[in-house]
Amino acid sequence: MELLTGIAATSGALNSQRTRLDIIAQNIANARTTRGPDGGPYQRRIVSFESELLRSTDSANGANSPGLATVRVSGVTNDPTPGQRVNDPGHPDADAQGMVTLPNVNLAFEMVDLITASRAYEANLNVAKNSRQMAMRTLEIGK
């Protein structure tokens, strides 16, 4: 008998949101990086999720049966939208016309994403805590 049935699903969601928070932090940190390893401006990165069906083992007969669904990161891709071009002839990355291409990171959007990701992480953390508390109370009832 498994007391913490939803903990695997919640764990997957926590890991996914943590990855999302890390990528958002990278985007914010590189919002003004005009020259990356490839020589161009930093490209905003986007996290994609997909649902994953967890298999559970039926202890009575040892068979696998469909279980709970969780979320996992399916990939991290670059945002293809072009960055803003500004006239700054004194910038070291300016072209012959004095134009500099900035990263395609919008700080307002990143902050909104950061807040939603952090709230989703908090909600999943509360699910894990409540699941643990319910399991502990169940064990106390059985004494």
Protein backbone atom coordinates (compact mmCIF):
# COMPACT_ATOMS: atom_id res chain seq x y z
CA MET A 1 0.00 0.00 0.00
CA GLU A 2 1.44 3.32 -1.04
CA LEU A 3 0.58 6.22 1.28
CA LEU A 4 2.08 9.01 -0.82
CA THR A 5 0.50 8.22 -4.19
CA GLY A 6 0.66 11.73 -5.60
CA ILE A 7 4.22 12.48 -4.56
CA ALA A 8 5.75 11.24 -7.83
CA ALA A 9 3.48 13.49 -9.88
CA THR A 10 4.19 16.44 -7.63
CA SER A 11 7.93 15.74 -7.76
CA GLY A 12 7.89 15.89 -11.55
CA ALA A 13 6.02 19.19 -11.47
CA LEU A 14 8.46 20.62 -8.91
CA ASN A 15 11.45 19.65 -11.05
CA SER A 16 9.84 21.14 -14.16
CA GLN A 17 9.07 24.45 -12.44
CA ARG A 18 12.60 24.58 -11.01
CA THR A 19 13.99 24.22 -14.52
CA ARG A 20 11.63 26.96 -15.71
CA LEU A 21 12.81 29.25 -12.89
CA ASP A 22 16.45 28.58 -13.82
CA ILE A 23 15.86 29.44 -17.48
CA ILE A 24 13.96 32.62 -16.58
CA ALA A 25 16.87 33.64 -14.34
CA GLN A 26 19.27 33.08 -17.25
CA ASN A 27 17.07 35.21 -19.51
CA ILE A 28 17.01 38.06 -16.98
CA ALA A 29 20.75 37.82 -16.35
CA ASN A 30 21.50 38.05 -20.08
CA ALA A 31 18.95 40.75 -20.96
CA ARG A 32 21.75 43.13 -22.04
CA THR A 33 24.27 40.59 -23.42
CA THR A 34 24.98 41.71 -26.98
CA ARG A 35 27.68 39.15 -27.75
CA GLY A 36 27.31 35.51 -26.84
CA PRO A 37 29.47 32.46 -27.63
CA ASP A 38 28.15 32.42 -31.20
CA GLY A 39 29.05 36.11 -31.69
CA GLY A 40 25.45 37.34 -31.77
CA PRO A 41 23.18 38.72 -29.08
CA TYR A 42 21.74 36.44 -26.42
CA GLN A 43 18.59 34.60 -27.55
CA ARG A 44 15.78 34.24 -25.04
CA ARG A 45 15.19 30.62 -24.05
CA ILE A 46 11.78 29.02 -23.59
CA VAL A 47 10.89 25.90 -21.59
CA SER A 48 8.34 23.49 -23.06
CA PHE A 49 6.42 20.99 -20.93
CA GLU A 50 4.67 17.74 -21.70
CA SER A 51 2.60 15.41 -19.60
CA GLU A 52 3.96 12.02 -18.72
CA LEU A 53 1.92 9.04 -17.57
CA LEU A 54 3.46 7.35 -14.56
CA ARG A 55 3.16 3.59 -14.32
CA SER A 56 2.37 2.04 -10.98
CA THR A 57 2.88 -1.56 -10.00
CA ASP A 58 -0.14 -3.36 -8.63
CA SER A 59 1.25 -5.09 -5.55
CA ALA A 60 -1.47 -7.78 -5.63
CA ASN A 61 -0.50 -9.29 -8.97
CA GLY A 62 2.74 -7.47 -9.89
CA ALA A 63 1.24 -6.02 -13.08
CA ASN A 64 1.91 -2.51 -14.33
CA SER A 65 -1.15 -0.32 -14.56
CA PRO A 66 -1.59 3.24 -15.76
CA GLY A 67 -1.04 5.62 -12.89
CA LEU A 68 -0.95 9.33 -12.36
CA ALA A 69 0.06 11.92 -14.90
CA THR A 70 2.89 14.32 -14.17
CA VAL A 71 4.65 17.10 -16.04
CA ARG A 72 8.18 17.05 -17.33
CA VAL A 73 10.35 19.34 -19.41
CA SER A 74 10.21 18.29 -23.04
CA GLY A 75 12.79 20.80 -24.19
CA VAL A 76 14.43 24.18 -23.90
CA THR A 77 14.51 26.13 -27.15
CA ASN A 78 15.65 29.55 -28.32
CA ASP A 79 12.99 32.16 -29.04
CA PRO A 80 13.39 32.99 -32.76
CA THR A 81 12.02 36.55 -32.56
CA PRO A 82 14.62 39.17 -33.47
CA GLY A 83 15.96 41.54 -30.86
CA GLN A 84 15.48 45.29 -30.95
CA ARG A 85 18.03 47.33 -32.94
CA VAL A 86 19.22 50.58 -31.42
CA ASN A 87 21.56 53.28 -32.65
CA ASP A 88 24.67 53.31 -30.44
CA PRO A 89 27.78 54.01 -32.53
CA GLY A 90 30.06 53.90 -29.45
CA HIS A 91 29.04 50.35 -28.51
CA PRO A 92 31.75 47.73 -29.16
CA ASP A 93 29.21 45.49 -30.94
CA ALA A 94 27.85 48.22 -33.26
CA ASP A 95 27.84 47.49 -36.98
CA ALA A 96 29.10 49.87 -39.69
CA GLN A 97 25.90 51.98 -39.42
CA GLY A 98 26.26 52.23 -35.61
CA MET A 99 23.32 49.88 -34.95
CA VAL A 100 23.44 47.33 -32.12
CA THR A 101 21.11 44.33 -31.94
CA LEU A 102 19.92 43.76 -28.38
CA PRO A 103 18.75 40.42 -26.97
CA ASN A 104 15.08 39.55 -27.52
CA VAL A 105 14.45 39.50 -23.75
CA ASN A 106 11.56 41.60 -22.44
CA LEU A 107 12.11 42.10 -18.72
CA ALA A 108 8.41 42.73 -18.01
CA PHE A 109 7.45 39.39 -19.63
CA GLU A 110 10.25 37.61 -17.79
CA MET A 111 9.11 39.00 -14.45
CA VAL A 112 5.54 37.83 -15.11
CA ASP A 113 6.88 34.38 -16.06
CA LEU A 114 9.03 34.39 -12.91
CA ILE A 115 6.03 35.13 -10.68
CA THR A 116 3.82 32.48 -12.30
CA ALA A 117 6.59 29.86 -12.16
CA SER A 118 7.32 30.62 -8.52
CA ARG A 119 3.63 30.39 -7.61
CA ALA A 120 3.29 27.09 -9.46
CA TYR A 121 6.34 25.80 -7.60
CA GLU A 122 4.84 26.92 -4.27
CA ALA A 123 1.51 25.25 -5.07
CA ASN A 124 3.22 21.94 -5.88
CA LEU A 125 5.32 22.20 -2.75
CA ASN A 126 2.14 22.67 -0.70
CA VAL A 127 0.66 19.55 -2.31
CA ALA A 128 3.73 17.56 -1.26
CA LYS A 129 3.58 18.94 2.30
CA ASN A 130 -0.15 18.23 2.61
CA SER A 131 0.28 14.73 1.22
CA ARG A 132 2.96 14.04 3.81
CA GLN A 133 0.78 15.42 6.63
CA MET A 134 -2.16 13.27 5.53
CA ALA A 135 0.06 10.18 5.42
CA MET A 136 1.38 10.93 8.92
CA ARG A 137 -2.18 11.35 10.25
CA THR A 138 -3.19 8.09 8.58
CA LEU A 139 -0.36 6.32 10.35
CA GLU A 140 -1.39 7.89 13.67
CA ILE A 141 -4.96 6.60 13.19
CA GLY A 142 -3.61 3.09 12.69
CA LYS A 143 -1.82 3.05 16.04
